[in-house]
Amino acid sequence: MAFLQANIYSNVLEMEVSVNVILPQKTEKKIGTTTKGNLTDVPVMYLLHGMGGNHSVWERRTSIERYVADLGLAVIMPSTDLGWYTDTSYDMNYWTFISEELPLICHELFPQLTTKREKTFAVGLSMGGYGALKLGLAKPENFAAVASLSGAVNLADRIEDLLAVKGRNFWEGIFGPLEQVQGSINDPMFLLNQLVNSGESAPNIFLCCGEEDLLLYGNKKMEAALTANKIEHTFETGPGNHDWVFWDEWIQRVLEWLPLEN
């Protein structure tokens, strides 16, 4: 298993972006674990951070490298600042970067990564859970499965929750007028309805949230919408709050759920 720290240039964002990458590598260690790796067509998971995090936070706060050691899975962990995986109203196009440019850069730099939908996944926590679900609903042709851990997946219906975290100027810098979020590309419920109406195949979706988490209400509403629209999904809750104790435990459950060929 190789752990790489890369600085890439984004033409979309017009700046340097940091990305941490875990790549499968065949190793035989006398002490520790033996890991396996493929040289071609490697499954890939884009692992997205939340507010306050960056490209390094999953590696520092969980044992993600150890968890994927025997899965033959590449993990891409980009830094997206506080952009909410959105083409912001202040003209920083984080959505275009994460959904279009980053995969192209990764395939250029790491040609062993798969280009197949059935072996490509997106996972994230909190803000990143919103981003992962957004990728799955808006770009279903690219992802076989997406997972949201404690995601802000119903934010358009819970504007008061946003304003409890940051002021209106912050949010409108990202999304524009908050009254216009509902029914836009930044509204996962709208993206779900759009996907259903398109007739395209949806990715499999995993939602989880702690039972003491304030975002549980929004996750339950999203789960109800997925059920009503007959979208294949898994929804699970358990003891926990909006913290790394919960996310370190549940990323392991997500990895078990992903449709990987071992």
C-alpha atoms as a PDB file:
ATOM      1  CA  MET A   1       0.000   0.000   0.000  1.00  0.00           C
ATOM      2  CA  ALA A   2       1.380   3.391  -1.036  1.00  0.00           C
ATOM      3  CA  PHE A   3       0.405   6.699   0.541  1.00  0.00           C
ATOM      4  CA  LEU A   4       1.068   9.708  -1.701  1.00  0.00           C
ATOM      5  CA  GLN A   5       0.810  13.420  -1.003  1.00  0.00           C
ATOM      6  CA  ALA A   6       0.338  15.405  -4.188  1.00  0.00           C
ATOM      7  CA  ASN A   7       0.037  19.054  -5.120  1.00  0.00           C
ATOM      8  CA  ILE A   8      -1.826  19.439  -8.387  1.00  0.00           C
ATOM      9  CA  TYR A   9      -2.772  22.502 -10.383  1.00  0.00           C
ATOM     10  CA  SER A  10      -6.474  23.009 -11.088  1.00  0.00           C
ATOM     11  CA  ASN A  11      -7.239  24.958 -14.246  1.00  0.00           C
ATOM     12  CA  VAL A  12     -10.843  25.243 -13.048  1.00  0.00           C
ATOM     13  CA  LEU A  13      -9.935  26.782  -9.682  1.00  0.00           C
ATOM     14  CA  GLU A  14      -6.807  28.490 -11.019  1.00  0.00           C
ATOM     15  CA  MET A  15      -4.756  27.428  -8.013  1.00  0.00           C
ATOM     16  CA  GLU A  16      -2.770  24.604  -6.461  1.00  0.00           C
ATOM     17  CA  VAL A  17      -4.845  21.907  -4.758  1.00  0.00           C
ATOM     18  CA  SER A  18      -3.607  19.291  -2.287  1.00  0.00           C
ATOM     19  CA  VAL A  19      -4.664  15.674  -2.713  1.00  0.00           C
ATOM     20  CA  ASN A  20      -3.761  12.635  -0.628  1.00  0.00           C
ATOM     21  CA  VAL A  21      -3.901   9.293  -2.416  1.00  0.00           C
ATOM     22  CA  ILE A  22      -3.827   5.707  -1.183  1.00  0.00           C
ATOM     23  CA  LEU A  23      -2.825   3.254  -3.912  1.00  0.00           C
ATOM     24  CA  PRO A  24      -2.786  -0.533  -3.747  1.00  0.00           C
ATOM     25  CA  GLN A  25       0.704  -2.014  -3.890  1.00  0.00           C
ATOM     26  CA  LYS A  26       1.777  -5.622  -3.679  1.00  0.00           C
ATOM     27  CA  THR A  27       3.897  -6.012  -0.564  1.00  0.00           C
ATOM     28  CA  GLU A  28       5.267  -8.867   1.502  1.00  0.00           C
ATOM     29  CA  LYS A  29       6.310  -7.666   4.930  1.00  0.00           C
ATOM     30  CA  LYS A  30       8.140  -9.644   7.524  1.00  0.00           C
ATOM     31  CA  ILE A  31       6.494  -7.518  10.220  1.00  0.00           C
ATOM     32  CA  GLY A  32       2.984  -6.121   9.910  1.00  0.00           C
ATOM     33  CA  THR A  33       0.432  -6.773   7.213  1.00  0.00           C
ATOM     34  CA  THR A  34       0.776  -8.204   3.746  1.00  0.00           C
ATOM     35  CA  THR A  35      -1.228  -6.220   1.223  1.00  0.00           C
ATOM     36  CA  LYS A  36      -2.309  -6.898  -2.322  1.00  0.00           C
ATOM     37  CA  GLY A  37      -2.451  -4.600  -5.293  1.00  0.00           C
ATOM     38  CA  ASN A  38      -3.492  -4.603  -8.922  1.00  0.00           C
ATOM     39  CA  LEU A  39      -1.578  -2.840 -11.647  1.00  0.00           C
ATOM     40  CA  THR A  40      -4.577  -2.150 -13.871  1.00  0.00           C
ATOM     41  CA  ASP A  41      -8.270  -1.308 -13.574  1.00  0.00           C
ATOM     42  CA  VAL A  42      -8.002  -0.444  -9.859  1.00  0.00           C
ATOM     43  CA  PRO A  43     -11.333   0.428  -8.175  1.00  0.00           C
ATOM     44  CA  VAL A  44     -11.373   3.998  -6.905  1.00  0.00           C
ATOM     45  CA  MET A  45     -13.157   5.790  -4.063  1.00  0.00           C
ATOM     46  CA  TYR A  46     -13.270   9.572  -3.855  1.00  0.00           C
ATOM     47  CA  LEU A  47     -13.301  10.304  -0.108  1.00  0.00           C
ATOM     48  CA  LEU A  48     -14.532  13.816   0.703  1.00  0.00           C
ATOM     49  CA  HIS A  49     -13.931  15.902   3.824  1.00  0.00           C
ATOM     50  CA  GLY A  50     -16.347  18.048   5.813  1.00  0.00           C
ATOM     51  CA  MET A  51     -16.260  21.630   7.061  1.00  0.00           C
ATOM     52  CA  GLY A  52     -13.048  22.350   8.917  1.00  0.00           C
ATOM     53  CA  GLY A  53     -11.240  19.473   7.227  1.00  0.00           C
ATOM     54  CA  ASN A  54      -8.926  19.127   4.260  1.00  0.00           C
ATOM     55  CA  HIS A  55      -7.157  16.480   2.184  1.00  0.00           C
ATOM     56  CA  SER A  56      -5.352  15.108   5.263  1.00  0.00           C
ATOM     57  CA  VAL A  57      -8.175  14.801   7.760  1.00  0.00           C
ATOM     58  CA  TRP A  58      -9.375  11.276   6.925  1.00  0.00           C
ATOM     59  CA  GLU A  59      -5.818   9.980   7.211  1.00  0.00           C
ATOM     60  CA  ARG A  60      -5.232  11.772  10.530  1.00  0.00           C
ATOM     61  CA  ARG A  61      -8.549  11.067  12.253  1.00  0.00           C
ATOM     62  CA  THR A  62      -9.265   7.507  11.130  1.00  0.00           C
ATOM     63  CA  SER A  63      -7.320   4.383  10.193  1.00  0.00           C
ATOM     64  CA  ILE A  64      -8.498   4.559   6.576  1.00  0.00           C
ATOM     65  CA  GLU A  65      -5.152   3.371   5.188  1.00  0.00           C
ATOM     66  CA  ARG A  66      -5.265   0.257   7.359  1.00  0.00           C
ATOM     67  CA  TYR A  67      -8.942  -0.337   6.594  1.00  0.00           C
ATOM     68  CA  VAL A  68      -8.372  -0.477   2.830  1.00  0.00           C
ATOM     69  CA  ALA A  69      -5.031  -2.334   2.927  1.00  0.00           C
ATOM     70  CA  ASP A  70      -6.481  -5.639   1.722  1.00  0.00           C
ATOM     71  CA  LEU A  71      -9.271  -4.311  -0.479  1.00  0.00           C
ATOM     72  CA  GLY A  72      -7.316  -3.452  -3.624  1.00  0.00           C
ATOM     73  CA  LEU A  73      -9.002  -0.033  -3.570  1.00  0.00           C
ATOM     74  CA  ALA A  74      -7.500   3.353  -4.456  1.00  0.00           C
ATOM     75  CA  VAL A  75      -8.623   6.277  -2.285  1.00  0.00           C
ATOM     76  CA  ILE A  76      -8.549   9.878  -3.547  1.00  0.00           C
ATOM     77  CA  MET A  77      -8.785  12.523  -0.799  1.00  0.00           C
ATOM     78  CA  PRO A  78      -8.872  16.073  -2.238  1.00  0.00           C
ATOM     79  CA  SER A  79      -8.955  19.387  -0.424  1.00  0.00           C
ATOM     80  CA  THR A  80     -11.972  21.471  -1.442  1.00  0.00           C
ATOM     81  CA  ASP A  81     -11.832  24.177   1.230  1.00  0.00           C
ATOM     82  CA  LEU A  82     -15.244  25.432   2.367  1.00  0.00           C
ATOM     83  CA  GLY A  83     -16.656  25.327  -1.147  1.00  0.00           C
ATOM     84  CA  TRP A  84     -19.453  22.834  -0.401  1.00  0.00           C
ATOM     85  CA  TYR A  85     -18.770  20.960  -3.639  1.00  0.00           C
ATOM     86  CA  THR A  86     -20.550  23.787  -5.433  1.00  0.00           C
ATOM     87  CA  ASP A  87     -19.830  26.275  -8.203  1.00  0.00           C
ATOM     88  CA  THR A  88     -19.995  29.185  -5.806  1.00  0.00           C
ATOM     89  CA  SER A  89     -21.526  32.605  -6.349  1.00  0.00           C
ATOM     90  CA  TYR A  90     -18.060  34.070  -5.647  1.00  0.00           C
ATOM     91  CA  ASP A  91     -16.811  32.355  -8.824  1.00  0.00           C
ATOM     92  CA  MET A  92     -14.860  29.418  -7.419  1.00  0.00           C
ATOM     93  CA  ASN A  93     -16.122  26.360  -9.261  1.00  0.00           C
ATOM     94  CA  TYR A  94     -15.578  23.562  -6.771  1.00  0.00           C
ATOM     95  CA  TRP A  95     -18.383  21.457  -8.285  1.00  0.00           C
ATOM     96  CA  THR A  96     -16.816  21.510 -11.734  1.00  0.00           C
ATOM     97  CA  PHE A  97     -13.461  20.695 -10.173  1.00  0.00           C
ATOM     98  CA  ILE A  98     -14.671  17.700  -8.155  1.00  0.00           C
ATOM     99  CA  SER A  99     -17.120  16.284 -10.704  1.00  0.00           C
ATOM    100  CA  GLU A 100     -15.187  16.821 -13.941  1.00  0.00           C
ATOM    101  CA  GLU A 101     -11.591  17.988 -13.615  1.00  0.00           C
ATOM    102  CA  LEU A 102     -10.312  15.938 -10.663  1.00  0.00           C
ATOM    103  CA  PRO A 103     -11.147  12.523 -12.181  1.00  0.00           C
ATOM    104  CA  LEU A 104      -9.358  13.518 -15.393  1.00  0.00           C
ATOM    105  CA  ILE A 105      -6.273  14.619 -13.457  1.00  0.00           C
ATOM    106  CA  CYS A 106      -6.260  11.437 -11.378  1.00  0.00           C
ATOM    107  CA  HIS A 107      -6.500   9.225 -14.458  1.00  0.00           C
ATOM    108  CA  GLU A 108      -3.668  11.167 -16.074  1.00  0.00           C
ATOM    109  CA  LEU A 109      -1.393  10.834 -13.039  1.00  0.00           C
ATOM    110  CA  PHE A 110      -2.472   7.317 -12.016  1.00  0.00           C
ATOM    111  CA  PRO A 111      -3.352   5.417 -15.210  1.00  0.00           C
ATOM    112  CA  GLN A 112      -3.924   2.196 -13.263  1.00  0.00           C
ATOM    113  CA  LEU A 113      -7.198   3.619 -11.919  1.00  0.00           C
ATOM    114  CA  THR A 114     -10.379   2.195 -13.384  1.00  0.00           C
ATOM    115  CA  THR A 115     -12.536   4.175 -15.788  1.00  0.00           C
ATOM    116  CA  LYS A 116     -15.500   1.858 -15.226  1.00  0.00           C
ATOM    117  CA  ARG A 117     -18.636   3.126 -13.517  1.00  0.00           C
ATOM    118  CA  GLU A 118     -19.159  -0.159 -11.679  1.00  0.00           C
ATOM    119  CA  LYS A 119     -15.825   0.247  -9.894  1.00  0.00           C
ATOM    120  CA  THR A 120     -16.035   3.969  -9.059  1.00  0.00           C
ATOM    121  CA  PHE A 121     -17.437   5.291  -5.757  1.00  0.00           C
ATOM    122  CA  ALA A 122     -17.859   8.537  -3.809  1.00  0.00           C
ATOM    123  CA  VAL A 123     -17.989   8.740  -0.009  1.00  0.00           C
ATOM    124  CA  GLY A 124     -17.936  11.690   2.372  1.00  0.00           C
ATOM    125  CA  LEU A 125     -18.846  12.995   5.804  1.00  0.00           C
ATOM    126  CA  SER A 126     -21.015  15.992   6.702  1.00  0.00           C
ATOM    127  CA  MET A 127     -20.321  18.581   3.970  1.00  0.00           C
ATOM    128  CA  GLY A 128     -18.559  15.761   2.128  1.00  0.00           C
ATOM    129  CA  GLY A 129     -21.594  13.517   2.581  1.00  0.00           C
ATOM    130  CA  TYR A 130     -23.594  16.198   0.791  1.00  0.00           C
ATOM    131  CA  GLY A 131     -20.907  16.257  -1.909  1.00  0.00           C
ATOM    132  CA  ALA A 132     -20.866  12.481  -2.352  1.00  0.00           C
ATOM    133  CA  LEU A 133     -24.648  12.272  -2.645  1.00  0.00           C
ATOM    134  CA  LYS A 134     -24.628  15.218  -5.059  1.00  0.00           C
ATOM    135  CA  LEU A 135     -22.091  13.387  -7.234  1.00  0.00           C
ATOM    136  CA  GLY A 136     -24.211  10.250  -7.259  1.00  0.00           C
ATOM    137  CA  LEU A 137     -27.466  12.025  -8.094  1.00  0.00           C
ATOM    138  CA  ALA A 138     -26.100  14.544 -10.610  1.00  0.00           C
ATOM    139  CA  LYS A 139     -23.519  12.243 -12.248  1.00  0.00           C
ATOM    140  CA  PRO A 140     -25.111   8.787 -11.993  1.00  0.00           C
ATOM    141  CA  GLU A 141     -23.317   7.645 -15.126  1.00  0.00           C
ATOM    142  CA  ASN A 142     -19.993   7.904 -13.265  1.00  0.00           C
ATOM    143  CA  PHE A 143     -20.675   6.196  -9.928  1.00  0.00           C
ATOM    144  CA  ALA A 144     -21.889   2.722  -9.011  1.00  0.00           C
ATOM    145  CA  ALA A 145     -22.279   3.576  -5.323  1.00  0.00           C
ATOM    146  CA  VAL A 146     -22.113   6.623  -3.079  1.00  0.00           C
ATOM    147  CA  ALA A 147     -22.177   6.904   0.701  1.00  0.00           C
ATOM    148  CA  SER A 148     -22.966   9.805   3.017  1.00  0.00           C
ATOM    149  CA  LEU A 149     -21.893   9.728   6.663  1.00  0.00           C
ATOM    150  CA  SER A 150     -23.830  12.317   8.704  1.00  0.00           C
ATOM    151  CA  GLY A 151     -24.391  14.252   5.506  1.00  0.00           C
ATOM    152  CA  ALA A 152     -26.203  17.578   5.129  1.00  0.00           C
ATOM    153  CA  VAL A 153     -28.388  15.887   2.538  1.00  0.00           C
ATOM    154  CA  ASN A 154     -31.553  17.968   2.985  1.00  0.00           C
ATOM    155  CA  LEU A 155     -30.078  21.437   3.415  1.00  0.00           C
ATOM    156  CA  ALA A 156     -32.561  23.253   1.161  1.00  0.00           C
ATOM    157  CA  ASP A 157     -35.355  22.314   3.556  1.00  0.00           C
ATOM    158  CA  ARG A 158     -33.343  23.219   6.677  1.00  0.00           C
ATOM    159  CA  ILE A 159     -31.989  26.708   6.051  1.00  0.00           C
ATOM    160  CA  GLU A 160     -32.215  27.425   9.774  1.00  0.00           C
ATOM    161  CA  ASP A 161     -29.630  24.690  10.404  1.00  0.00           C
ATOM    162  CA  LEU A 162     -27.210  26.402   8.041  1.00  0.00           C
ATOM    163  CA  LEU A 163     -27.703  29.777   9.685  1.00  0.00           C
ATOM    164  CA  ALA A 164     -27.002  28.230  13.090  1.00  0.00           C
ATOM    165  CA  VAL A 165     -23.523  27.293  11.850  1.00  0.00           C
ATOM    166  CA  LYS A 166     -22.539  30.346   9.786  1.00  0.00           C
ATOM    167  CA  GLY A 167     -24.071  33.698   8.889  1.00  0.00           C
ATOM    168  CA  ARG A 168     -26.156  34.366   5.804  1.00  0.00           C
ATOM    169  CA  ASN A 169     -23.300  36.131   3.983  1.00  0.00           C
ATOM    170  CA  PHE A 170     -21.197  32.972   4.162  1.00  0.00           C
ATOM    171  CA  TRP A 171     -23.905  30.724   2.746  1.00  0.00           C
ATOM    172  CA  GLU A 172     -25.010  33.138   0.057  1.00  0.00           C
ATOM    173  CA  GLY A 173     -21.384  33.482  -1.028  1.00  0.00           C
ATOM    174  CA  ILE A 174     -21.553  29.768  -1.784  1.00  0.00           C
ATOM    175  CA  PHE A 175     -25.120  29.118  -2.916  1.00  0.00           C
ATOM    176  CA  GLY A 176     -26.444  32.548  -3.799  1.00  0.00           C
ATOM    177  CA  PRO A 177     -29.789  33.647  -2.310  1.00  0.00           C
ATOM    178  CA  LEU A 178     -30.789  30.945   0.146  1.00  0.00           C
ATOM    179  CA  GLU A 179     -34.411  31.103  -0.923  1.00  0.00           C
ATOM    180  CA  GLN A 180     -33.304  29.879  -4.351  1.00  0.00           C
ATOM    181  CA  VAL A 181     -31.386  26.790  -3.198  1.00  0.00           C
ATOM    182  CA  GLN A 182     -34.509  24.644  -3.204  1.00  0.00           C
ATOM    183  CA  GLY A 183     -35.137  23.383  -6.706  1.00  0.00           C
ATOM    184  CA  SER A 184     -31.570  24.040  -7.883  1.00  0.00           C
ATOM    185  CA  ILE A 185     -28.567  21.837  -8.663  1.00  0.00           C
ATOM    186  CA  ASN A 186     -27.448  22.430  -5.066  1.00  0.00           C
ATOM    187  CA  ASP A 187     -30.598  20.770  -3.690  1.00  0.00           C
ATOM    188  CA  PRO A 188     -30.211  16.970  -3.390  1.00  0.00           C
ATOM    189  CA  MET A 189     -33.992  16.506  -3.333  1.00  0.00           C
ATOM    190  CA  PHE A 190     -34.254  18.316  -6.663  1.00  0.00           C
ATOM    191  CA  LEU A 191     -31.407  16.206  -8.075  1.00  0.00           C
ATOM    192  CA  LEU A 192     -33.184  13.043  -6.922  1.00  0.00           C
ATOM    193  CA  ASN A 193     -36.408  14.039  -8.685  1.00  0.00           C
ATOM    194  CA  GLN A 194     -34.458  15.012 -11.791  1.00  0.00           C
ATOM    195  CA  LEU A 195     -32.717  11.635 -11.823  1.00  0.00           C
ATOM    196  CA  VAL A 196     -35.968   9.729 -11.403  1.00  0.00           C
ATOM    197  CA  ASN A 197     -37.594  11.674 -14.226  1.00  0.00           C
ATOM    198  CA  SER A 198     -34.615  11.072 -16.506  1.00  0.00           C
ATOM    199  CA  GLY A 199     -34.985   7.307 -16.307  1.00  0.00           C
ATOM    200  CA  GLU A 200     -31.215   6.864 -15.815  1.00  0.00           C
ATOM    201  CA  SER A 201     -29.914   4.167 -13.513  1.00  0.00           C
ATOM    202  CA  ALA A 202     -29.199   5.526 -10.046  1.00  0.00           C
ATOM    203  CA  PRO A 203     -26.141   4.484  -8.048  1.00  0.00           C
ATOM    204  CA  ASN A 204     -26.665   2.432  -4.937  1.00  0.00           C
ATOM    205  CA  ILE A 205     -26.818   4.832  -1.984  1.00  0.00           C
ATOM    206  CA  PHE A 206     -25.760   4.412   1.643  1.00  0.00           C
ATOM    207  CA  LEU A 207     -26.877   6.901   4.293  1.00  0.00           C
ATOM    208  CA  CYS A 208     -25.913   6.742   7.946  1.00  0.00           C
ATOM    209  CA  CYS A 209     -26.221   9.196  10.806  1.00  0.00           C
ATOM    210  CA  GLY A 210     -25.742   9.205  14.553  1.00  0.00           C
ATOM    211  CA  GLU A 211     -28.856   9.083  16.689  1.00  0.00           C
ATOM    212  CA  GLU A 212     -27.722  12.176  18.615  1.00  0.00           C
ATOM    213  CA  ASP A 213     -26.794  14.109  15.448  1.00  0.00           C
ATOM    214  CA  LEU A 214     -28.825  17.209  14.553  1.00  0.00           C
ATOM    215  CA  LEU A 215     -28.660  16.149  10.898  1.00  0.00           C
ATOM    216  CA  LEU A 216     -30.606  12.947  11.578  1.00  0.00           C
ATOM    217  CA  TYR A 217     -33.910  14.627  10.675  1.00  0.00           C
ATOM    218  CA  GLY A 218     -32.685  15.565   7.210  1.00  0.00           C
ATOM    219  CA  ASN A 219     -31.262  12.095   6.620  1.00  0.00           C
ATOM    220  CA  LYS A 220     -34.604  10.530   7.518  1.00  0.00           C
ATOM    221  CA  LYS A 221     -36.364  12.795   5.011  1.00  0.00           C
ATOM    222  CA  MET A 222     -33.898  11.823   2.295  1.00  0.00           C
ATOM    223  CA  GLU A 223     -34.338   8.151   3.130  1.00  0.00           C
ATOM    224  CA  ALA A 224     -38.112   8.537   2.829  1.00  0.00           C
ATOM    225  CA  ALA A 225     -37.694  10.180  -0.580  1.00  0.00           C
ATOM    226  CA  LEU A 226     -35.400   7.399  -1.781  1.00  0.00           C
ATOM    227  CA  THR A 227     -37.906   4.800  -0.606  1.00  0.00           C
ATOM    228  CA  ALA A 228     -40.814   6.593  -2.264  1.00  0.00           C
ATOM    229  CA  ASN A 229     -38.906   6.700  -5.549  1.00  0.00           C
ATOM    230  CA  LYS A 230     -37.781   3.068  -5.295  1.00  0.00           C
ATOM    231  CA  ILE A 231     -34.084   3.953  -5.378  1.00  0.00           C
ATOM    232  CA  GLU A 232     -31.859   1.149  -4.094  1.00  0.00           C
ATOM    233  CA  HIS A 233     -30.334   2.304  -0.833  1.00  0.00           C
ATOM    234  CA  THR A 234     -29.278   1.437   2.704  1.00  0.00           C
ATOM    235  CA  PHE A 235     -30.116   3.648   5.664  1.00  0.00           C
ATOM    236  CA  GLU A 236     -28.644   2.930   9.077  1.00  0.00           C
ATOM    237  CA  THR A 237     -28.376   4.803  12.345  1.00  0.00           C
ATOM    238  CA  GLY A 238     -26.534   4.073  15.537  1.00  0.00           C
ATOM    239  CA  PRO A 239     -25.360   5.650  18.774  1.00  0.00           C
ATOM    240  CA  GLY A 240     -23.242   8.700  18.155  1.00  0.00           C
ATOM    241  CA  ASN A 241     -22.978  12.372  17.370  1.00  0.00           C
ATOM    242  CA  HIS A 242     -21.410  14.508  14.632  1.00  0.00           C
ATOM    243  CA  ASP A 243     -17.827  13.493  15.370  1.00  0.00           C
ATOM    244  CA  TRP A 244     -14.867  11.349  14.406  1.00  0.00           C
ATOM    245  CA  VAL A 245     -15.733   8.579  16.847  1.00  0.00           C
ATOM    246  CA  PHE A 246     -18.825   7.930  14.741  1.00  0.00           C
ATOM    247  CA  TRP A 247     -17.116   8.413  11.366  1.00  0.00           C
ATOM    248  CA  ASP A 248     -14.151   6.170  12.147  1.00  0.00           C
ATOM    249  CA  GLU A 249     -16.564   3.380  13.048  1.00  0.00           C
ATOM    250  CA  TRP A 250     -18.926   3.858  10.137  1.00  0.00           C
ATOM    251  CA  ILE A 251     -16.362   4.224   7.354  1.00  0.00           C
ATOM    252  CA  GLN A 252     -15.565   0.587   8.107  1.00  0.00           C
ATOM    253  CA  ARG A 253     -19.215  -0.303   7.595  1.00  0.00           C
ATOM    254  CA  VAL A 254     -19.237   1.636   4.311  1.00  0.00           C
ATOM    255  CA  LEU A 255     -16.187  -0.270   3.065  1.00  0.00           C
ATOM    256  CA  GLU A 256     -17.946  -3.555   3.831  1.00  0.00           C
ATOM    257  CA  TRP A 257     -20.985  -2.321   1.881  1.00  0.00           C
ATOM    258  CA  LEU A 258     -19.145  -1.188  -1.252  1.00  0.00           C
ATOM    259  CA  PRO A 259     -19.502  -3.633  -4.181  1.00  0.00           C
ATOM    260  CA  LEU A 260     -15.832  -4.575  -4.344  1.00  0.00           C
ATOM    261  CA  GLU A 261     -14.544  -7.738  -5.937  1.00  0.00           C
ATOM    262  CA  ASN A 262     -12.083  -9.274  -3.505  1.00  0.00           C
END
